[in-house]
N, C-alpha and C. Protein backbone atom coordinates (compact mmCIF):
# COMPACT_ATOMS: atom_id res chain seq x y z
N MET A 1 125.30 72.25 77.10
CA MET A 1 126.03 72.02 75.83
C MET A 1 126.49 73.24 75.19
N ASN A 2 127.71 73.13 74.63
CA ASN A 2 128.31 74.34 74.07
C ASN A 2 128.04 74.24 72.59
N GLN A 3 127.36 75.21 71.97
CA GLN A 3 127.13 75.33 70.59
C GLN A 3 128.22 76.25 69.91
N THR A 4 128.61 75.81 68.65
CA THR A 4 129.59 76.71 67.93
C THR A 4 128.83 77.04 66.65
N ILE A 5 128.91 78.43 66.45
CA ILE A 5 128.28 79.16 65.24
C ILE A 5 129.54 79.67 64.54
N GLU A 6 129.20 79.91 63.23
CA GLU A 6 130.09 80.57 62.30
C GLU A 6 129.63 81.94 61.84
N CYS A 7 130.55 82.92 61.91
CA CYS A 7 130.10 84.30 61.68
C CYS A 7 131.02 84.89 60.65
N VAL A 8 130.63 86.01 60.02
CA VAL A 8 131.49 86.90 59.17
C VAL A 8 131.26 88.33 59.67
N PRO A 9 132.27 89.24 59.40
CA PRO A 9 132.09 90.60 59.80
C PRO A 9 130.83 91.07 59.17
N ALA A 10 130.23 91.91 59.97
CA ALA A 10 128.83 92.64 59.47
C ALA A 10 129.17 93.87 58.78
N TYR A 11 128.08 94.38 58.11
CA TYR A 11 128.07 95.61 57.41
C TYR A 11 129.16 95.96 56.50
N GLY A 12 129.73 94.76 55.79
CA GLY A 12 130.69 94.99 54.63
C GLY A 12 132.21 95.05 55.22
N ARG A 13 132.24 94.95 56.65
CA ARG A 13 133.71 94.95 57.15
C ARG A 13 134.41 93.70 56.70
N ASP A 14 135.84 93.86 56.62
CA ASP A 14 136.62 92.69 56.47
C ASP A 14 138.07 92.92 57.25
N TYR A 15 138.75 91.90 57.43
CA TYR A 15 139.96 92.12 58.39
C TYR A 15 141.11 91.25 57.51
N ASN A 16 142.34 91.92 57.72
CA ASN A 16 143.45 91.34 57.25
C ASN A 16 144.33 90.61 58.37
N SER A 17 143.89 90.75 59.59
CA SER A 17 144.79 90.23 60.69
C SER A 17 143.91 89.62 61.79
N GLN A 18 144.32 88.75 62.52
CA GLN A 18 143.69 88.26 63.77
C GLN A 18 143.51 89.32 64.78
N ALA A 19 144.59 90.19 64.88
CA ALA A 19 144.53 91.28 65.83
C ALA A 19 143.44 92.16 65.53
N ALA A 20 143.10 92.53 64.29
CA ALA A 20 142.00 93.43 64.01
C ALA A 20 140.68 92.70 64.31
N VAL A 21 140.59 91.36 64.11
CA VAL A 21 139.41 90.69 64.31
C VAL A 21 139.04 90.74 65.89
N ARG A 22 140.20 90.34 66.56
CA ARG A 22 140.08 90.30 68.06
C ARG A 22 139.64 91.77 68.62
N GLU A 23 140.21 92.76 68.06
CA GLU A 23 139.97 94.14 68.66
C GLU A 23 138.49 94.40 68.33
N ASP A 24 137.81 94.13 67.21
CA ASP A 24 136.45 94.48 67.00
C ASP A 24 135.59 93.48 67.84
N TRP A 25 136.03 92.20 68.04
CA TRP A 25 135.08 91.36 68.76
C TRP A 25 135.11 91.79 70.26
N GLU A 26 136.28 92.24 70.83
CA GLU A 26 136.39 92.65 72.24
C GLU A 26 135.75 94.00 72.28
N ALA A 27 135.55 94.87 71.26
CA ALA A 27 134.80 96.06 71.35
C ALA A 27 133.37 95.79 71.15
N ASN A 28 132.89 94.63 71.05
CA ASN A 28 131.42 94.22 70.96
C ASN A 28 130.72 94.68 69.55
N LYS A 29 131.59 94.75 68.56
CA LYS A 29 131.02 95.08 67.22
C LYS A 29 130.24 93.92 66.66
N ASP A 30 129.37 94.15 65.90
CA ASP A 30 128.35 93.02 65.39
C ASP A 30 129.11 92.17 64.31
N PHE A 31 128.76 90.95 64.22
CA PHE A 31 129.23 89.95 63.23
C PHE A 31 127.81 89.24 62.79
N GLN A 32 127.78 88.87 61.51
CA GLN A 32 126.63 88.15 61.08
C GLN A 32 126.74 86.74 61.04
N ILE A 33 125.79 86.00 61.53
CA ILE A 33 125.72 84.45 61.68
C ILE A 33 125.45 83.86 60.26
N VAL A 34 126.46 82.98 59.90
CA VAL A 34 126.24 82.27 58.64
C VAL A 34 125.98 80.87 58.84
N SER A 35 125.75 80.43 59.93
CA SER A 35 125.35 79.00 60.34
C SER A 35 123.99 78.76 59.96
N VAL A 36 123.57 77.69 59.60
CA VAL A 36 122.35 77.30 59.04
C VAL A 36 121.16 77.84 59.92
N ALA A 37 121.19 77.46 61.24
CA ALA A 37 120.03 77.55 62.05
C ALA A 37 119.66 79.10 62.25
N ASP A 38 120.67 79.89 62.30
CA ASP A 38 120.49 81.34 62.70
C ASP A 38 120.93 82.32 61.45
N TYR A 39 121.01 81.80 60.33
CA TYR A 39 121.70 82.56 59.30
C TYR A 39 121.19 83.96 59.18
N GLY A 40 121.90 84.98 59.03
CA GLY A 40 121.56 86.29 58.87
C GLY A 40 121.40 87.18 60.00
N ARG A 41 121.21 86.44 61.21
CA ARG A 41 121.11 87.28 62.42
C ARG A 41 122.50 87.87 62.80
N TYR A 42 122.43 88.94 63.70
CA TYR A 42 123.64 89.57 64.13
C TYR A 42 124.01 89.17 65.47
N ILE A 43 125.26 89.04 65.92
CA ILE A 43 125.66 88.65 67.18
C ILE A 43 126.94 89.40 67.47
N ASN A 44 127.15 89.68 68.80
CA ASN A 44 128.46 90.20 69.21
C ASN A 44 128.84 89.43 70.51
N LYS A 45 130.12 89.93 70.92
CA LYS A 45 130.59 89.15 72.06
C LYS A 45 129.76 88.96 73.22
N GLN A 46 129.11 90.14 73.58
CA GLN A 46 128.13 90.03 74.85
C GLN A 46 127.02 89.00 74.63
N ASP A 47 126.40 88.92 73.32
CA ASP A 47 125.41 87.97 73.05
C ASP A 47 125.96 86.48 73.10
N ALA A 48 127.13 86.43 72.58
CA ALA A 48 127.67 84.93 72.47
C ALA A 48 128.13 84.52 73.96
N ASP A 49 128.55 85.37 74.75
CA ASP A 49 128.85 85.10 76.22
C ASP A 49 127.58 84.73 76.96
N LEU A 50 126.61 85.48 76.74
CA LEU A 50 125.24 85.23 77.46
C LEU A 50 124.73 83.89 77.22
N GLY A 51 124.98 83.49 75.80
CA GLY A 51 124.31 82.31 75.31
C GLY A 51 125.38 81.19 75.40
N GLY A 52 126.49 81.26 75.93
CA GLY A 52 127.61 80.25 76.14
C GLY A 52 127.81 79.66 74.84
N LEU A 53 128.01 80.41 73.75
CA LEU A 53 128.39 79.96 72.46
C LEU A 53 129.90 80.15 72.13
N SER A 54 130.26 79.18 71.45
CA SER A 54 131.68 79.32 70.80
C SER A 54 131.39 79.81 69.39
N VAL A 55 132.42 80.77 68.99
CA VAL A 55 132.26 81.45 67.61
C VAL A 55 133.54 81.22 66.78
N LEU A 56 133.25 80.89 65.72
CA LEU A 56 134.28 80.92 64.47
C LEU A 56 134.02 82.05 63.67
N ILE A 57 135.02 82.95 63.51
CA ILE A 57 134.86 84.01 62.59
C ILE A 57 135.72 84.01 61.39
N ARG A 58 135.13 84.07 60.27
CA ARG A 58 135.76 83.99 58.89
C ARG A 58 136.17 85.42 58.38
N TYR A 59 137.41 85.61 58.03
CA TYR A 59 137.89 86.90 57.69
C TYR A 59 138.78 86.84 56.43
N ALA A 60 139.47 87.84 56.09
CA ALA A 60 140.35 87.96 54.86
C ALA A 60 139.59 87.35 53.68
N LYS A 61 138.51 87.81 53.29
CA LYS A 61 137.66 87.37 52.15
C LYS A 61 137.36 85.95 52.44
N LEU A 62 136.99 85.75 53.52
CA LEU A 62 136.55 84.34 54.02
C LEU A 62 137.52 83.15 53.95
N GLN A 63 138.79 83.62 53.66
CA GLN A 63 139.93 82.48 53.54
C GLN A 63 140.46 82.10 54.82
N LYS A 64 140.34 82.93 55.91
CA LYS A 64 140.92 82.61 57.25
C LYS A 64 139.87 82.43 58.32
N VAL A 65 140.17 81.70 59.39
CA VAL A 65 139.24 81.48 60.50
C VAL A 65 139.92 81.77 61.83
N MET A 66 139.05 82.40 62.76
CA MET A 66 139.53 82.57 64.07
C MET A 66 138.57 82.05 65.08
N ALA A 67 138.95 81.46 66.12
CA ALA A 67 137.86 80.90 67.15
C ALA A 67 138.01 81.74 68.39
N PHE A 68 136.81 81.89 69.01
CA PHE A 68 136.60 82.58 70.26
C PHE A 68 135.68 81.63 71.13
């Protein structure tokens, strides 16, 4: 079963474009989980791939969403 989690940029980062989000996701930078079950934990692309997770990332002051 494929689980989807929602994340935000970690450590105070934010992005203005999908390209910037994709660049940091592909660079394996940390994002913070804001889904109820794992709220507050950190995850990166490697972790998500190992767990078979789909990821929604909120950016631009939480106004936009990008899916991986």
